[in-house]
């Protein structure tokens, strides 16, 4: 094989693993309030609709409490199967997200429509401010921030609204995550 083709062949061999990594990063992560349909193939009694509880867990027959917040459905299937294996040989678990009600961010302060906003994909600060009707005339544009729970600690992420609106610096147009609170003083 010539030296020209060898790098191309090597690159093509690696591509499936790269695309799988991208797909895993893009997978929907569960949040409290999400609704799931969980079933085990061939076990009609092990079919249940569940809601992710505020503590990030679900309860499923024979498996008990399973922590699922922050996981994708494939990881949840594997966790439940691991707990069921002592009762069912080689359990084939299926988890389907039926509602993303837990995928919310909150907007509070001096916007025209404060409240919760349902995330329906990657959503930025400017998009959420738009859904909230924009800033009211008394808003402090220089003090807008995102409050994010990071483990057990809260993280404050500043937003430079003037730079965003002028297009000078878009680095603070943060992609919001479920549970974030956008504060507009």
Protein backbone atom coordinates (compact mmCIF):
# COMPACT_ATOMS: atom_id res chain seq x y z
CA UNK A 1 0.00 0.00 0.00
CA UNK A 2 1.40 3.43 -0.88
CA UNK A 3 2.27 6.05 1.72
CA UNK A 4 -0.61 8.19 0.42
CA UNK A 5 -3.33 5.64 1.21
CA UNK A 6 -2.05 4.46 4.61
CA UNK A 7 -3.00 7.64 6.57
CA UNK A 8 -6.44 7.64 4.92
CA UNK A 9 -7.07 3.99 5.81
CA UNK A 10 -5.96 4.62 9.41
CA UNK A 11 -8.22 7.68 9.67
CA UNK A 12 -11.21 5.74 8.37
CA UNK A 13 -10.55 2.93 10.86
CA UNK A 14 -10.70 5.43 13.75
CA UNK A 15 -13.81 7.31 12.55
CA UNK A 16 -16.45 4.96 14.02
CA UNK A 17 -14.99 5.34 17.52
CA UNK A 18 -14.85 9.12 17.09
CA UNK A 19 -18.47 9.29 15.93
CA UNK A 20 -19.53 7.05 18.84
CA UNK A 21 -17.80 9.40 21.28
CA UNK A 22 -19.61 12.37 19.76
CA UNK A 23 -22.92 10.49 19.92
CA UNK A 24 -22.35 9.66 23.60
CA UNK A 25 -21.60 13.31 24.39
CA UNK A 26 -24.79 14.36 22.60
CA UNK A 27 -26.98 11.78 24.40
CA UNK A 28 -29.77 13.21 26.54
CA UNK A 29 -28.88 13.20 30.24
CA UNK A 30 -31.71 12.52 32.67
CA UNK A 31 -32.90 15.12 35.18
CA UNK A 32 -35.29 15.00 38.13
CA UNK A 33 -38.86 15.21 36.80
CA UNK A 34 -38.17 13.26 33.60
CA UNK A 35 -40.54 10.38 32.87
CA UNK A 36 -39.29 6.97 31.72
CA UNK A 37 -40.80 3.74 30.45
CA UNK A 38 -38.70 0.85 31.77
CA UNK A 39 -39.19 -2.75 30.67
CA UNK A 40 -37.39 -6.08 30.67
CA UNK A 41 -37.73 -8.23 27.56
CA UNK A 42 -39.76 -11.39 28.21
CA UNK A 43 -40.83 -10.21 31.69
CA UNK A 44 -44.28 -8.64 31.34
CA UNK A 45 -44.49 -7.98 35.09
CA UNK A 46 -41.33 -5.87 34.87
CA UNK A 47 -42.74 -3.03 32.82
CA UNK A 48 -43.23 0.28 34.55
CA UNK A 49 -43.52 4.00 33.95
CA UNK A 50 -41.36 5.92 36.43
CA UNK A 51 -40.47 9.53 37.23
CA UNK A 52 -36.96 10.58 38.15
CA UNK A 53 -37.33 11.74 41.76
CA UNK A 54 -35.90 15.02 43.10
CA UNK A 55 -32.94 13.08 44.54
CA UNK A 56 -32.11 11.84 41.00
CA UNK A 57 -33.24 8.23 41.47
CA UNK A 58 -35.98 5.89 40.31
CA UNK A 59 -37.36 2.78 41.95
CA UNK A 60 -37.83 -0.36 39.88
CA UNK A 61 -39.10 -3.81 40.94
CA UNK A 62 -36.33 -6.21 42.03
CA UNK A 63 -33.68 -3.53 41.33
CA UNK A 64 -34.79 -1.16 44.09
CA UNK A 65 -33.50 2.40 44.05
CA UNK A 66 -31.31 3.28 41.06
CA UNK A 67 -29.51 6.63 40.75
CA UNK A 68 -30.09 7.90 37.20
CA UNK A 69 -29.75 11.71 37.14
CA UNK A 70 -27.00 12.80 34.77
CA UNK A 71 -26.96 9.44 32.97
CA UNK A 72 -28.16 8.61 29.47
CA UNK A 73 -30.65 5.79 28.85
CA UNK A 74 -27.96 3.27 27.88
CA UNK A 75 -26.19 3.74 31.22
CA UNK A 76 -29.51 3.38 33.07
CA UNK A 77 -30.29 0.16 31.18
CA UNK A 78 -26.89 -1.23 32.21
CA UNK A 79 -27.36 -0.21 35.87
CA UNK A 80 -30.80 -1.82 36.12
CA UNK A 81 -29.61 -4.97 34.32
CA UNK A 82 -26.69 -5.29 36.75
CA UNK A 83 -29.13 -5.23 39.67
CA UNK A 84 -31.55 -7.69 38.02
CA UNK A 85 -28.96 -10.29 37.03
CA UNK A 86 -29.26 -12.08 40.40
CA UNK A 87 -32.98 -12.70 39.65
CA UNK A 88 -33.06 -12.98 35.85
CA UNK A 89 -30.29 -14.50 33.72
CA UNK A 90 -29.05 -11.98 31.12
CA UNK A 91 -31.83 -9.38 31.54
CA UNK A 92 -32.45 -7.22 28.48
CA UNK A 93 -33.56 -3.86 29.87
CA UNK A 94 -35.08 -1.08 27.79
CA UNK A 95 -35.37 2.52 29.00
CA UNK A 96 -37.28 5.07 26.93
CA UNK A 97 -37.64 8.74 27.84
CA UNK A 98 -41.35 9.56 27.54
CA UNK A 99 -41.20 13.13 28.87
CA UNK A 100 -38.41 15.61 29.52
CA UNK A 101 -40.34 17.58 32.14
CA UNK A 102 -37.20 17.85 34.26
CA UNK A 103 -35.28 19.64 31.52
CA UNK A 104 -35.97 23.15 32.83
CA UNK A 105 -34.02 26.33 33.47
CA UNK A 106 -35.34 29.23 35.48
CA UNK A 107 -35.30 32.95 34.73
CA UNK A 108 -35.83 35.39 37.56
CA UNK A 109 -35.54 39.09 38.09
CA UNK A 110 -36.11 41.97 35.73
CA UNK A 111 -37.32 40.21 32.61
CA UNK A 112 -40.78 40.60 31.11
CA UNK A 113 -41.81 36.97 31.72
CA UNK A 114 -39.89 35.36 34.63
CA UNK A 115 -40.42 31.66 35.28
CA UNK A 116 -39.30 28.31 33.94
CA UNK A 117 -38.21 27.57 30.38
CA UNK A 118 -38.24 24.05 28.95
CA UNK A 119 -35.00 23.21 27.14
CA UNK A 120 -35.67 21.53 23.81
CA UNK A 121 -32.07 21.18 22.72
CA UNK A 122 -28.94 23.23 23.21
CA UNK A 123 -30.16 26.56 24.53
CA UNK A 124 -28.06 29.65 25.27
CA UNK A 125 -28.50 32.60 27.62
CA UNK A 126 -29.68 34.87 24.80
CA UNK A 127 -32.26 32.33 23.65
CA UNK A 128 -33.70 31.99 27.16
CA UNK A 129 -33.76 35.77 27.60
CA UNK A 130 -35.68 35.97 24.34
CA UNK A 131 -38.25 33.41 25.54
CA UNK A 132 -38.55 35.42 28.77
CA UNK A 133 -39.54 38.48 26.72
CA UNK A 134 -36.21 40.26 27.10
CA UNK A 135 -34.98 42.60 29.81
CA UNK A 136 -37.24 45.21 31.34
CA UNK A 137 -36.07 48.84 31.29
CA UNK A 138 -34.75 48.71 34.88
CA UNK A 139 -32.58 45.58 34.45
CA UNK A 140 -28.90 45.85 35.36
CA UNK A 141 -27.35 44.51 32.14
CA UNK A 142 -23.88 44.32 33.68
CA UNK A 143 -24.86 42.05 36.60
CA UNK A 144 -26.66 39.18 34.83
CA UNK A 145 -25.44 35.77 35.97
CA UNK A 146 -26.15 32.07 35.68
CA UNK A 147 -26.36 30.12 38.94
CA UNK A 148 -25.44 26.47 38.34
CA UNK A 149 -25.38 23.62 40.82
CA UNK A 150 -22.07 21.82 40.38
CA UNK A 151 -22.18 18.74 42.60
CA UNK A 152 -23.07 20.14 46.01
CA UNK A 153 -21.69 23.64 45.33
CA UNK A 154 -23.25 26.53 43.47
CA UNK A 155 -21.23 28.11 40.69
CA UNK A 156 -21.81 31.69 39.53
CA UNK A 157 -21.20 32.33 35.81
CA UNK A 158 -21.21 36.02 34.81
CA UNK A 159 -22.94 37.12 31.59
CA UNK A 160 -21.71 40.20 29.73
CA UNK A 161 -24.96 41.25 28.06
CA UNK A 162 -23.54 44.37 26.37
CA UNK A 163 -20.84 42.34 24.64
CA UNK A 164 -23.39 39.71 23.58
CA UNK A 165 -25.74 42.28 22.08
CA UNK A 166 -22.94 44.07 20.22
CA UNK A 167 -21.45 40.79 19.01
CA UNK A 168 -17.99 41.78 20.31
CA UNK A 169 -17.57 38.76 22.59
CA UNK A 170 -19.97 35.82 22.60
CA UNK A 171 -18.04 33.80 25.21
CA UNK A 172 -20.62 34.48 27.96
CA UNK A 173 -23.56 33.28 25.83
CA UNK A 174 -23.43 30.14 27.97
CA UNK A 175 -25.20 26.94 26.96
CA UNK A 176 -27.62 26.36 29.82
CA UNK A 177 -28.09 23.05 31.61
CA UNK A 178 -31.17 21.64 33.32
CA UNK A 179 -31.55 23.25 36.73
CA UNK A 180 -29.64 26.45 35.89
CA UNK A 181 -31.10 29.77 37.10
CA UNK A 182 -30.58 32.91 35.02
CA UNK A 183 -30.64 35.92 37.37
CA UNK A 184 -31.34 39.39 35.95
CA UNK A 185 -31.07 41.99 38.77
